[in-house]
């Protein structure tokens, strides 16, 4: 069975495991006060070209979103996201469990724009409504599309003008940064957001995301809120080691680029064979449209996710390539198309 379900099913890149093995019995300071977390932060600051952001290592993406949004918002404040937003359909109501409403904006390509956000902001200012305060986006988006610098800057400028926060879920930020559609760098994400996270779990790490807080007012007591929500690992050096390895020689970008290249190869073959995609292929998530019979046939040898009913007996599915996907696996899938 060839596996195209997600990009986090392998334990981790061998270089990470090798580095961990070097420190198996070496005592480390706990709770993030260790030399590995310190060096990982230095490497990330170098990538961003600045050191004024607070960096926190958090075990997973859902926890990063939960803790960040819970910390950044007052009880009556709400989030705006795209209708496909990960926090809406894939995190078991984690945000709502902290009392924060999520307003959804239509976005056919998965990307939010100021003109879609503004009506929700304008129509929810009365005292009997939850007030929008934070704009949530992900890059890559839930449907694999990638934001341009112009689009991110427009969102940031809009949020600045309306006293809103722009928060970027970067679970697949590696894929976004190495996408052929991308013109952003980590320095740009630091410049044009109030907080964002750099995803490790879906790009070769065993666990872990690096949350970067840029807006000064959001930094106060953040570690206390992390602790309250179980988001500080006693063995935080495990995450620090992983981000050291990922960023000391460009491995983070190499792994994401591998996944993207194989996804582009698959997307090109799909289109050559006459299959439509729900979105242009821009990252390591590809969404082709098949008949039910073709899906059944492919499932005999390939694992992937159903996505949506597209009408007229057609259905979209999701293929995801990872840092560990073999080109031979992609070739086998192409032959089966």
Protein backbone atom coordinates (compact mmCIF):
# COMPACT_ATOMS: atom_id res chain seq x y z
CA UNK A 1 0.00 0.00 0.00
CA UNK A 2 1.38 3.38 -1.03
CA UNK A 3 0.61 6.16 1.47
CA UNK A 4 -0.67 9.62 0.51
CA UNK A 5 -2.90 10.34 3.53
CA UNK A 6 -0.84 13.02 5.29
CA UNK A 7 2.66 14.38 5.88
CA UNK A 8 3.20 13.41 9.53
CA UNK A 9 3.01 9.61 9.58
CA UNK A 10 6.77 8.96 9.63
CA UNK A 11 8.54 9.33 12.98
CA UNK A 12 11.12 11.91 11.92
CA UNK A 13 14.02 12.56 9.58
CA UNK A 14 17.03 10.34 10.40
CA UNK A 15 19.28 13.36 11.08
CA UNK A 16 16.99 14.35 13.93
CA UNK A 17 17.04 10.89 15.44
CA UNK A 18 20.83 10.74 15.11
CA UNK A 19 21.19 14.06 16.94
CA UNK A 20 18.83 12.94 19.70
CA UNK A 21 20.87 9.78 20.11
CA UNK A 22 23.92 11.95 20.84
CA UNK A 23 22.13 13.36 23.88
CA UNK A 24 20.24 10.32 25.16
CA UNK A 25 21.88 10.36 28.60
CA UNK A 26 23.15 13.94 28.73
CA UNK A 27 21.24 15.86 31.45
CA UNK A 28 19.42 18.94 30.18
CA UNK A 29 17.65 21.82 31.87
CA UNK A 30 13.87 21.47 31.80
CA UNK A 31 10.91 23.50 30.53
CA UNK A 32 12.74 25.21 27.68
CA UNK A 33 15.62 26.66 29.68
CA UNK A 34 18.22 24.57 27.87
CA UNK A 35 21.01 25.21 25.40
CA UNK A 36 19.23 23.42 22.54
CA UNK A 37 16.13 25.63 22.71
CA UNK A 38 18.41 28.66 22.99
CA UNK A 39 20.35 27.69 19.87
CA UNK A 40 17.19 26.80 17.96
CA UNK A 41 15.85 30.26 18.73
CA UNK A 42 19.10 31.85 17.55
CA UNK A 43 18.82 29.96 14.25
CA UNK A 44 15.22 31.09 13.78
CA UNK A 45 16.12 34.69 14.63
CA UNK A 46 18.82 34.51 11.96
CA UNK A 47 16.26 33.27 9.40
CA UNK A 48 13.89 36.09 10.35
CA UNK A 49 16.63 38.72 10.33
CA UNK A 50 15.51 40.03 13.71
CA UNK A 51 15.35 38.93 17.36
CA UNK A 52 12.46 40.93 18.80
CA UNK A 53 9.89 38.12 18.58
CA UNK A 54 9.25 35.78 21.49
CA UNK A 55 9.66 32.14 20.40
CA UNK A 56 7.91 29.30 22.23
CA UNK A 57 8.17 25.61 21.40
CA UNK A 58 4.78 23.90 21.60
CA UNK A 59 4.12 20.16 21.11
CA UNK A 60 1.52 20.36 18.30
CA UNK A 61 -0.47 22.58 15.99
CA UNK A 62 -3.86 22.33 17.66
CA UNK A 63 -2.27 23.18 20.99
CA UNK A 64 -0.43 26.12 19.44
CA UNK A 65 -3.68 27.49 18.00
CA UNK A 66 -5.60 26.92 21.24
CA UNK A 67 -3.02 28.51 23.54
CA UNK A 68 -2.30 31.45 21.24
CA UNK A 69 -5.91 32.38 20.63
CA UNK A 70 -6.88 31.83 24.28
CA UNK A 71 -4.02 34.07 25.36
CA UNK A 72 -4.54 36.81 22.78
CA UNK A 73 -8.31 37.31 23.15
CA UNK A 74 -10.56 38.61 25.90
CA UNK A 75 -13.65 36.47 26.70
CA UNK A 76 -16.06 38.42 24.47
CA UNK A 77 -13.76 38.52 21.44
CA UNK A 78 -14.04 36.34 18.34
CA UNK A 79 -11.99 34.90 15.51
CA UNK A 80 -12.55 35.34 11.77
CA UNK A 81 -11.45 32.51 9.51
CA UNK A 82 -12.10 31.12 6.06
CA UNK A 83 -14.95 28.63 5.77
CA UNK A 84 -12.30 25.95 5.28
CA UNK A 85 -10.30 27.07 8.35
CA UNK A 86 -8.56 24.23 10.18
CA UNK A 87 -9.67 25.54 13.57
CA UNK A 88 -13.30 25.33 12.43
CA UNK A 89 -13.61 21.74 11.25
CA UNK A 90 -10.52 19.84 12.42
CA UNK A 91 -9.75 20.76 16.02
CA UNK A 92 -12.77 19.39 17.88
CA UNK A 93 -14.04 22.83 18.87
CA UNK A 94 -10.82 23.66 20.74
CA UNK A 95 -11.21 27.40 20.18
CA UNK A 96 -14.90 27.38 21.05
CA UNK A 97 -14.12 25.42 24.21
CA UNK A 98 -12.40 28.54 25.51
CA UNK A 99 -15.50 30.60 24.76
CA UNK A 100 -14.41 32.24 21.52
CA UNK A 101 -16.81 32.34 18.59
CA UNK A 102 -15.48 31.75 15.08
CA UNK A 103 -17.00 33.81 12.27
CA UNK A 104 -16.56 32.25 8.83
CA UNK A 105 -15.93 34.13 5.59
CA UNK A 106 -16.44 32.66 2.15
CA UNK A 107 -13.21 31.94 0.34
CA UNK A 108 -13.33 29.60 -2.66
CA UNK A 109 -9.54 29.30 -2.86
CA UNK A 110 -9.04 28.96 0.90
CA UNK A 111 -7.47 32.42 1.24
CA UNK A 112 -8.95 35.28 3.24
CA UNK A 113 -8.99 38.82 1.89
CA UNK A 114 -9.91 42.14 3.55
CA UNK A 115 -13.08 42.50 1.47
CA UNK A 116 -14.37 39.18 2.86
CA UNK A 117 -13.43 40.05 6.42
CA UNK A 118 -14.73 43.60 6.61
CA UNK A 119 -18.49 42.85 6.49
CA UNK A 120 -18.09 40.51 9.47
CA UNK A 121 -16.16 43.14 11.39
CA UNK A 122 -18.65 45.89 10.60
CA UNK A 123 -21.73 43.82 11.46
CA UNK A 124 -20.52 42.54 14.85
CA UNK A 125 -19.79 45.64 16.89
CA UNK A 126 -22.96 45.79 19.02
CA UNK A 127 -22.76 44.91 22.69
CA UNK A 128 -24.89 41.80 22.18
CA UNK A 129 -22.45 40.22 19.69
CA UNK A 130 -19.02 38.65 19.98
CA UNK A 131 -16.56 41.23 18.66
CA UNK A 132 -14.09 40.11 15.98
CA UNK A 133 -10.52 40.64 17.15
CA UNK A 134 -8.29 38.02 15.53
CA UNK A 135 -7.99 37.03 11.87
CA UNK A 136 -6.86 33.42 11.49
CA UNK A 137 -5.23 32.21 8.31
CA UNK A 138 -3.03 29.24 7.46
CA UNK A 139 -0.21 29.06 4.94
CA UNK A 140 -0.46 26.75 3.15
CA UNK A 141 -4.25 26.92 3.30
CA UNK A 142 -6.49 23.97 4.01
CA UNK A 143 -6.88 23.43 0.26
CA UNK A 144 -3.17 23.70 -0.51
CA UNK A 145 -3.06 27.25 -1.85
CA UNK A 146 -0.28 29.68 -0.92
CA UNK A 147 -0.48 33.36 0.01
CA UNK A 148 1.61 35.93 -1.84
CA UNK A 149 3.44 38.70 -0.02
CA UNK A 150 0.98 41.20 -1.49
CA UNK A 151 -1.97 39.23 -0.06
CA UNK A 152 -0.39 38.83 3.40
CA UNK A 153 0.57 42.50 3.54
CA UNK A 154 -2.96 43.54 2.55
CA UNK A 155 -4.36 41.46 5.41
CA UNK A 156 -1.80 42.83 7.86
CA UNK A 157 -2.45 46.42 6.83
CA UNK A 158 -6.19 45.87 7.13
CA UNK A 159 -5.81 44.36 10.60
CA UNK A 160 -3.57 47.22 11.70
CA UNK A 161 -6.15 49.74 10.49
CA UNK A 162 -8.98 48.02 12.39
CA UNK A 163 -7.06 47.14 15.58
CA UNK A 164 -7.27 43.42 14.75
CA UNK A 165 -4.65 40.71 15.18
CA UNK A 166 -3.32 38.67 12.26
CA UNK A 167 -2.40 35.16 13.37
CA UNK A 168 -0.91 32.65 10.92
CA UNK A 169 -1.12 28.89 11.38
CA UNK A 170 2.11 27.60 9.86
CA UNK A 171 1.61 23.86 10.27
CA UNK A 172 2.70 23.53 6.62
CA UNK A 173 4.78 26.69 6.47
CA UNK A 174 7.71 24.74 5.03
CA UNK A 175 5.59 23.75 2.06
CA UNK A 176 4.44 27.36 1.64
CA UNK A 177 7.98 28.75 1.79
CA UNK A 178 9.25 26.37 -0.90
CA UNK A 179 6.18 26.53 -3.13
CA UNK A 180 6.68 27.72 -6.72
CA UNK A 181 3.88 30.21 -5.97
CA UNK A 182 5.65 31.70 -2.93
CA UNK A 183 7.46 35.03 -2.64
CA UNK A 184 7.54 35.17 1.19
CA UNK A 185 10.42 34.52 3.59
CA UNK A 186 10.41 33.96 7.33
CA UNK A 187 11.46 37.58 7.63
CA UNK A 188 8.26 38.58 5.81
CA UNK A 189 6.09 36.46 8.09
CA UNK A 190 7.68 38.17 11.08
CA UNK A 191 7.10 41.58 9.50
CA UNK A 192 3.53 41.09 8.33
CA UNK A 193 1.88 39.20 11.20
CA UNK A 194 1.31 39.70 14.91
CA UNK A 195 2.01 36.03 15.63
CA UNK A 196 2.66 32.92 13.57
CA UNK A 197 4.05 29.46 14.03
CA UNK A 198 6.63 27.44 12.14
CA UNK A 199 5.43 23.87 11.79
CA UNK A 200 7.81 21.01 12.49
CA UNK A 201 5.41 18.09 12.92
CA UNK A 202 4.40 18.10 9.23
CA UNK A 203 7.90 18.72 7.92
CA UNK A 204 10.24 16.08 9.27
CA UNK A 205 10.13 16.65 13.03
CA UNK A 206 8.95 14.06 15.51
CA UNK A 207 6.83 16.66 17.31
CA UNK A 208 6.81 20.38 17.74
CA UNK A 209 5.96 23.83 16.42
CA UNK A 210 7.78 27.11 17.01
CA UNK A 211 5.31 29.87 17.87
CA UNK A 212 6.63 33.37 17.20
CA UNK A 213 4.93 36.35 18.90
CA UNK A 214 5.79 39.68 17.31
CA UNK A 215 3.29 42.11 18.90
CA UNK A 216 4.61 43.33 22.23
CA UNK A 217 1.27 43.36 24.07
CA UNK A 218 0.72 39.67 23.33
CA UNK A 219 3.94 38.52 24.99
CA UNK A 220 3.06 39.22 28.61
CA UNK A 221 2.47 36.10 30.74
CA UNK A 222 2.34 33.87 27.67
CA UNK A 223 4.40 31.13 29.29
CA UNK A 224 2.02 31.12 32.25
CA UNK A 225 -0.89 30.51 29.88
CA UNK A 226 1.14 27.81 28.10
CA UNK A 227 1.72 26.09 31.43
CA UNK A 228 -1.93 26.37 32.38
CA UNK A 229 -2.85 24.61 29.14
CA UNK A 230 -0.24 21.85 29.37
CA UNK A 231 1.78 23.27 26.47
CA UNK A 232 5.21 23.39 28.12
CA UNK A 233 7.09 20.11 27.92
CA UNK A 234 9.35 19.29 30.84
CA UNK A 235 11.66 17.85 28.17
CA UNK A 236 11.40 20.87 25.87
CA UNK A 237 14.98 20.22 24.80
CA UNK A 238 13.56 17.41 22.65
CA UNK A 239 11.83 20.05 20.52
CA UNK A 240 14.83 22.37 20.66
CA UNK A 241 17.12 19.67 19.26
CA UNK A 242 14.75 19.08 16.37
CA UNK A 243 14.58 22.73 15.35
CA UNK A 244 18.36 22.97 15.67
CA UNK A 245 18.73 20.18 13.11
CA UNK A 246 16.00 21.52 10.83
CA UNK A 247 17.44 25.04 10.58
CA UNK A 248 21.20 24.76 10.99
CA UNK A 249 21.88 23.80 7.35
CA UNK A 250 18.62 24.32 5.47
CA UNK A 251 17.16 20.86 6.08
CA UNK A 252 13.73 22.39 6.81
CA UNK A 253 13.56 23.82 3.30
CA UNK A 254 15.05 20.74 1.65
CA UNK A 255 12.42 18.45 3.15
CA UNK A 256 9.52 20.72 2.18
CA UNK A 257 10.92 21.19 -1.30
CA UNK A 258 11.09 17.41 -1.79
CA UNK A 259 7.42 17.05 -0.86
CA UNK A 260 6.42 19.93 -3.14
CA UNK A 261 8.35 18.66 -6.14
CA UNK A 262 6.71 15.24 -5.96
CA UNK A 263 3.29 16.87 -5.54
CA UNK A 264 3.88 19.02 -8.63
CA UNK A 265 4.88 15.93 -10.60
CA UNK A 266 1.67 14.21 -9.54
CA UNK A 267 -0.47 17.27 -10.33
CA UNK A 268 1.04 17.62 -13.79
CA UNK A 269 0.35 13.96 -14.55
CA UNK A 270 -3.24 14.24 -13.32
CA UNK A 271 -3.94 17.16 -15.60
CA UNK A 272 -2.21 15.52 -18.56
CA UNK A 273 -4.55 12.55 -18.08
CA UNK A 274 -7.57 14.85 -18.11
CA UNK A 275 -8.43 15.04 -14.41
CA UNK A 276 -9.52 18.36 -12.90
CA UNK A 277 -8.20 19.75 -9.60
CA UNK A 278 -10.33 21.75 -7.16
CA UNK A 279 -7.44 24.25 -6.87
CA UNK A 280 -4.27 24.95 -8.80
CA UNK A 281 -1.45 22.80 -7.40
CA UNK A 282 0.81 25.02 -5.30
CA UNK A 283 2.04 22.86 -2.42
CA UNK A 284 2.21 19.28 -1.15
CA UNK A 285 -1.59 18.84 -1.02
CA UNK A 286 -3.26 17.89 -4.31
CA UNK A 287 -7.04 17.67 -4.75
CA UNK A 288 -8.10 15.82 -7.92
CA UNK A 289 -11.66 14.97 -8.92
CA UNK A 290 -12.60 11.36 -9.75
CA UNK A 291 -15.60 9.16 -10.26
CA UNK A 292 -16.58 6.90 -7.38
CA UNK A 293 -15.47 3.91 -9.46
CA UNK A 294 -11.99 5.36 -9.99
CA UNK A 295 -11.65 6.12 -6.27
CA UNK A 296 -12.59 2.55 -5.43
CA UNK A 297 -10.05 1.25 -7.93
CA UNK A 298 -7.24 3.44 -6.57
CA UNK A 299 -7.96 2.44 -2.99
CA UNK A 300 -6.87 -1.09 -3.73
CA UNK A 301 -3.23 0.04 -3.70
CA UNK A 302 -3.17 3.64 -2.42
CA UNK A 303 -4.21 5.28 0.84
CA UNK A 304 -5.63 8.82 0.64
CA UNK A 305 -8.48 10.92 2.06
CA UNK A 306 -11.91 11.64 0.66
CA UNK A 307 -12.54 15.37 0.40
CA UNK A 308 -15.92 16.53 -0.95
CA UNK A 309 -18.79 15.68 -3.27
CA UNK A 310 -18.43 17.75 -6.43
CA UNK A 311 -21.75 16.88 -8.13
CA UNK A 312 -22.66 14.88 -11.22
CA UNK A 313 -21.26 11.71 -9.69
CA UNK A 314 -17.81 13.20 -9.10
CA UNK A 315 -15.82 13.44 -5.87
CA UNK A 316 -12.63 15.21 -4.84
CA UNK A 317 -9.93 13.45 -2.84
CA UNK A 318 -6.71 14.61 -1.21
CA UNK A 319 -3.25 13.29 -1.97
CA UNK A 320 -0.47 14.52 0.35
CA UNK A 321 3.23 14.05 -0.27
CA UNK A 322 5.76 14.28 2.55
CA UNK A 323 9.50 14.67 3.10
CA UNK A 324 9.69 10.86 3.11
CA UNK A 325 7.54 10.12 0.04
CA UNK A 326 9.47 8.10 -2.53
CA UNK A 327 9.38 9.13 -6.17
CA UNK A 328 8.65 5.49 -7.00
CA UNK A 329 5.43 5.78 -4.99
CA UNK A 330 4.36 8.81 -7.02
CA UNK A 331 5.27 7.01 -10.23
CA UNK A 332 3.14 4.03 -9.18
CA UNK A 333 0.18 6.32 -8.53
CA UNK A 334 0.63 8.04 -11.88
CA UNK A 335 0.61 4.70 -13.66
CA UNK A 336 -2.61 3.75 -11.86
CA UNK A 337 -4.40 6.92 -12.99
